[in-house]
Amino acid sequence: MTTPTRALPRGIRNHNPLNIRLNPANRWQGRVTPERNTDGAFEQFDGPVWGLRAGAVLIIAHYDRRGTDTIRKLVRIWAPPSENDTEAYAAFVARESGFGADETLDFHRAEHLRPVLIAMIRMENGQQPYTDAQIDAALVRAGILPPERPLGETRTVRGGQAAATGTLGAAAIEAVQKTIGPAQDALVGIAPYLDAAKWALLLVTLVGIGVMLWARIDDRRKGLR
């Protein structure tokens, strides 16, 4: 059941989950212009990713310009004692993020920024409704690349390793299906838009992937690594 818009927390309704205050001088990407803003006190954005991006950018800006390299320092600026229970806010973010309130952090690193951003969203709104994909997209737009997964953990390599056992049992078949399935779905989706030249290039690419996977399987069968 979908939650009615009016019942959502203010920050979620505004696509502004960190409740950035409205300032006509700030020209945030994806913002609702002050003339169209229906809140009057807080920024509104055209979609969640833009609001998430703005929150990430502002955290980074405080880190760069004010030296807010701990959760406690950041929260004192974000939620000053004159308006908030700053200590309770900092304690919540520390607990939710897994970092100490006075632990030195680098907010140019996704592994530091991401957990703190998520914890602050929950603190500001009482919930964290955004997907990993939305948060990662916002971080990329803020100039922060999510950590890459090791190659050995990818579905392609796991599928090749399973197939290379030589048994081609249920586990191998499932792994290969997980590798090939999404690619097949994607090809079906883009098929109407490909001309002959692009199809030829795509075919060469798929053949190359097939040769790579077969070589990997053959190496494992021969005891090579």
Protein backbone atom coordinates (compact mmCIF):
# COMPACT_ATOMS: atom_id res chain seq x y z
CA MET A 1 0.00 0.00 0.00
CA THR A 2 1.42 3.39 -1.03
CA THR A 3 1.76 5.99 1.72
CA PRO A 4 -0.24 9.15 0.88
CA THR A 5 2.06 12.05 -0.01
CA ARG A 6 0.65 14.28 2.71
CA ALA A 7 1.50 11.63 5.33
CA LEU A 8 5.16 11.48 4.37
CA PRO A 9 7.75 13.39 6.41
CA ARG A 10 8.43 16.88 5.15
CA GLY A 11 11.92 16.08 3.89
CA ILE A 12 10.67 13.10 1.87
CA ARG A 13 7.77 15.11 0.39
CA ASN A 14 10.17 17.84 -0.66
CA HIS A 15 12.72 15.36 -2.07
CA ASN A 16 15.03 17.14 0.39
CA PRO A 17 15.81 14.42 2.93
CA LEU A 18 18.41 16.41 4.87
CA ASN A 19 16.04 19.39 5.14
CA ILE A 20 18.28 21.99 3.54
CA ARG A 21 16.82 25.42 4.18
CA LEU A 22 15.54 27.50 1.28
CA ASN A 23 17.98 30.12 0.11
CA PRO A 24 17.21 31.84 -3.22
CA ALA A 25 20.94 32.51 -3.68
CA ASN A 26 21.74 28.80 -3.79
CA ARG A 27 21.35 27.39 -7.28
CA TRP A 28 21.16 23.70 -6.54
CA GLN A 29 21.02 21.30 -9.45
CA GLY A 30 17.53 19.86 -9.79
CA ARG A 31 15.95 22.32 -7.37
CA VAL A 32 12.44 23.67 -7.59
CA THR A 33 12.83 27.40 -8.21
CA PRO A 34 11.86 29.72 -5.34
CA GLU A 35 8.90 30.92 -7.41
CA ARG A 36 7.51 27.38 -7.59
CA ASN A 37 8.52 26.32 -4.07
CA THR A 38 5.40 25.48 -2.04
CA ASP A 39 7.16 24.90 1.28
CA GLY A 40 8.50 28.38 1.91
CA ALA A 41 11.17 27.36 4.45
CA PHE A 42 13.00 24.40 2.93
CA GLU A 43 14.34 23.63 -0.51
CA GLN A 44 12.33 21.39 -2.79
CA PHE A 45 13.84 19.24 -5.54
CA ASP A 46 12.46 17.70 -8.71
CA GLY A 47 13.36 14.19 -7.59
CA PRO A 48 15.00 12.24 -4.75
CA VAL A 49 18.42 11.91 -6.40
CA TRP A 50 18.80 15.69 -6.64
CA GLY A 51 17.96 16.17 -2.97
CA LEU A 52 20.30 13.39 -1.95
CA ARG A 53 23.02 14.93 -4.10
CA ALA A 54 22.53 18.34 -2.47
CA GLY A 55 22.86 16.79 0.98
CA ALA A 56 26.07 15.01 -0.01
CA VAL A 57 27.51 18.18 -1.60
CA LEU A 58 26.75 20.22 1.51
CA ILE A 59 28.38 17.66 3.83
CA ILE A 60 31.50 17.73 1.61
CA ALA A 61 31.46 21.55 1.56
CA HIS A 62 31.38 21.72 5.37
CA TYR A 63 34.23 19.20 5.49
CA ASP A 64 36.35 21.21 3.05
CA ARG A 65 35.61 24.70 4.35
CA ARG A 66 35.00 24.20 8.06
CA GLY A 67 37.00 21.11 8.86
CA THR A 68 34.01 19.04 9.97
CA ASP A 69 35.92 15.77 9.94
CA THR A 70 33.88 14.06 12.66
CA ILE A 71 30.19 13.39 13.10
CA ARG A 72 30.03 15.63 16.16
CA LYS A 73 31.61 18.58 14.33
CA LEU A 74 29.30 18.11 11.34
CA VAL A 75 26.15 17.88 13.45
CA ARG A 76 27.01 20.98 15.46
CA ILE A 77 26.83 22.95 12.22
CA TRP A 78 23.98 20.99 10.65
CA ALA A 79 21.77 20.96 13.73
CA PRO A 80 23.09 23.71 16.08
CA PRO A 81 22.30 23.50 19.80
CA SER A 82 20.19 26.64 19.60
CA GLU A 83 17.61 24.71 17.56
CA ASN A 84 18.24 21.02 18.24
CA ASP A 85 19.42 18.42 20.71
CA THR A 86 22.79 18.27 19.00
CA GLU A 87 24.27 15.60 21.24
CA ALA A 88 21.35 13.26 20.70
CA TYR A 89 21.54 13.87 16.94
CA ALA A 90 25.28 13.10 16.88
CA ALA A 91 24.83 9.99 19.01
CA PHE A 92 22.13 8.70 16.67
CA VAL A 93 24.19 9.27 13.52
CA ALA A 94 27.23 7.65 15.14
CA ARG A 95 25.23 4.59 16.17
CA GLU A 96 23.49 4.21 12.81
CA SER A 97 26.63 4.77 10.72
CA GLY A 98 28.92 2.60 12.83
CA PHE A 99 31.48 5.38 13.35
CA GLY A 100 32.45 7.00 16.62
CA ALA A 101 31.07 10.51 17.14
CA ASP A 102 34.63 11.86 17.36
CA GLU A 103 36.23 9.46 14.86
CA THR A 104 38.14 11.27 12.11
CA LEU A 105 36.41 10.81 8.75
CA ASP A 106 37.10 11.80 5.15
CA PHE A 107 33.86 12.82 3.46
CA HIS A 108 35.47 12.55 0.05
CA ARG A 109 35.43 8.79 0.57
CA ALA A 110 32.19 6.97 -0.21
CA GLU A 111 32.74 4.48 2.59
CA HIS A 112 32.62 7.39 5.07
CA LEU A 113 30.11 9.70 3.41
CA ARG A 114 27.51 7.10 2.47
CA PRO A 115 26.80 5.66 5.96
CA VAL A 116 26.69 9.13 7.52
CA LEU A 117 24.35 10.43 4.80
CA ILE A 118 22.01 7.47 5.29
CA ALA A 119 22.04 7.90 9.08
CA MET A 120 21.22 11.61 8.76
CA ILE A 121 18.34 10.84 6.41
CA ARG A 122 16.90 8.51 9.04
CA MET A 123 17.43 11.06 11.79
CA GLU A 124 15.79 13.88 9.84
CA ASN A 125 12.79 11.86 8.66
CA GLY A 126 12.36 8.88 10.94
CA GLN A 127 12.87 6.62 7.92
CA GLN A 128 15.23 5.94 5.03
CA PRO A 129 13.13 5.10 1.95
CA TYR A 130 15.76 5.39 -0.77
CA THR A 131 17.29 2.54 -2.73
CA ASP A 132 21.00 1.81 -2.99
CA ALA A 133 20.82 2.80 -6.66
CA GLN A 134 19.35 6.22 -5.83
CA ILE A 135 21.97 6.91 -3.18
CA ASP A 136 24.82 5.76 -5.43
CA ALA A 137 23.49 7.92 -8.28
CA ALA A 138 23.42 10.92 -5.95
CA LEU A 139 26.97 10.29 -4.76
CA VAL A 140 28.20 10.06 -8.35
CA ARG A 141 26.52 13.39 -9.13
CA ALA A 142 28.26 14.83 -6.07
CA GLY A 143 31.60 13.64 -7.43
CA ILE A 144 31.98 10.61 -5.16
CA LEU A 145 32.36 7.21 -6.81
CA PRO A 146 31.07 4.20 -4.85
CA PRO A 147 33.76 1.63 -4.01
CA GLU A 148 34.19 -0.92 -6.79
CA ARG A 149 33.43 -4.53 -5.99
CA PRO A 150 36.44 -6.87 -6.35
CA LEU A 151 36.42 -8.68 -9.70
CA GLY A 152 36.19 -12.04 -7.95
CA GLU A 153 32.84 -11.03 -6.45
CA THR A 154 31.17 -10.14 -9.75
CA ARG A 155 28.48 -12.35 -11.25
CA THR A 156 30.52 -12.92 -14.40
CA VAL A 157 33.51 -14.39 -12.59
CA ARG A 158 31.34 -16.36 -10.16
CA GLY A 159 29.47 -17.82 -13.11
CA GLY A 160 32.72 -18.77 -14.85
CA GLN A 161 34.08 -20.37 -11.71
CA ALA A 162 30.94 -22.40 -11.17
CA ALA A 163 30.88 -23.59 -14.77
CA ALA A 164 34.58 -24.48 -14.56
CA THR A 165 33.96 -27.21 -12.02
CA GLY A 166 33.37 -29.53 -14.99
CA THR A 167 30.16 -30.91 -13.52
CA LEU A 168 27.79 -28.31 -14.93
CA GLY A 169 25.42 -29.10 -12.09
CA ALA A 170 22.58 -26.99 -10.77
CA ALA A 171 24.90 -24.43 -9.14
CA ALA A 172 26.78 -23.87 -12.38
CA ILE A 173 23.63 -23.53 -14.44
CA GLU A 174 22.18 -21.04 -11.96
CA ALA A 175 25.36 -18.99 -11.94
CA VAL A 176 25.52 -18.84 -15.72
CA GLN A 177 21.85 -17.89 -15.88
CA LYS A 178 22.46 -15.05 -13.44
CA THR A 179 25.30 -13.85 -15.65
CA ILE A 180 23.61 -14.19 -19.04
CA GLY A 181 20.02 -13.42 -18.04
CA PRO A 182 20.37 -9.68 -17.39
CA ALA A 183 22.39 -9.27 -20.57
CA GLN A 184 19.72 -11.07 -22.58
CA ASP A 185 16.99 -8.89 -21.10
CA ALA A 186 18.99 -5.77 -21.91
CA LEU A 187 19.53 -6.90 -25.51
CA VAL A 188 15.82 -7.47 -26.02
CA GLY A 189 15.15 -3.98 -24.71
CA ILE A 190 17.59 -2.22 -27.03
CA ALA A 191 17.08 -4.40 -30.10
CA PRO A 192 14.66 -2.02 -31.90
CA TYR A 193 17.25 0.77 -31.72
CA LEU A 194 20.26 -1.03 -33.14
CA ASP A 195 21.19 -0.77 -36.79
CA ALA A 196 23.15 -3.44 -38.66
CA ALA A 197 26.55 -1.98 -37.84
CA LYS A 198 25.80 -1.83 -34.15
CA TRP A 199 24.49 -5.39 -34.21
CA ALA A 200 27.73 -6.51 -35.82
CA LEU A 201 29.77 -4.78 -33.13
CA LEU A 202 27.56 -6.26 -30.44
CA LEU A 203 27.98 -9.75 -31.91
CA VAL A 204 31.76 -9.42 -31.90
CA THR A 205 31.63 -8.28 -28.27
CA LEU A 206 29.47 -11.23 -27.21
CA VAL A 207 31.72 -13.68 -29.05
CA GLY A 208 34.70 -12.20 -27.23
CA ILE A 209 32.97 -12.65 -23.88
CA GLY A 210 32.13 -16.24 -24.79
CA VAL A 211 35.75 -17.00 -25.71
CA MET A 212 36.93 -15.45 -22.44
CA LEU A 213 34.53 -17.54 -20.38
CA TRP A 214 35.40 -20.74 -22.24
CA ALA A 215 39.13 -20.09 -21.78
CA ARG A 216 38.53 -19.61 -18.08
CA ILE A 217 36.61 -22.89 -17.88
CA ASP A 218 39.27 -24.78 -19.87
CA ASP A 219 42.06 -23.41 -17.69
CA ARG A 220 40.32 -24.57 -14.55
CA ARG A 221 39.76 -28.05 -16.00
CA LYS A 222 43.47 -28.29 -16.78
CA GLY A 223 44.40 -27.21 -13.31
CA LEU A 224 45.60 -23.75 -14.36
CA ARG A 225 44.92 -20.59 -12.39
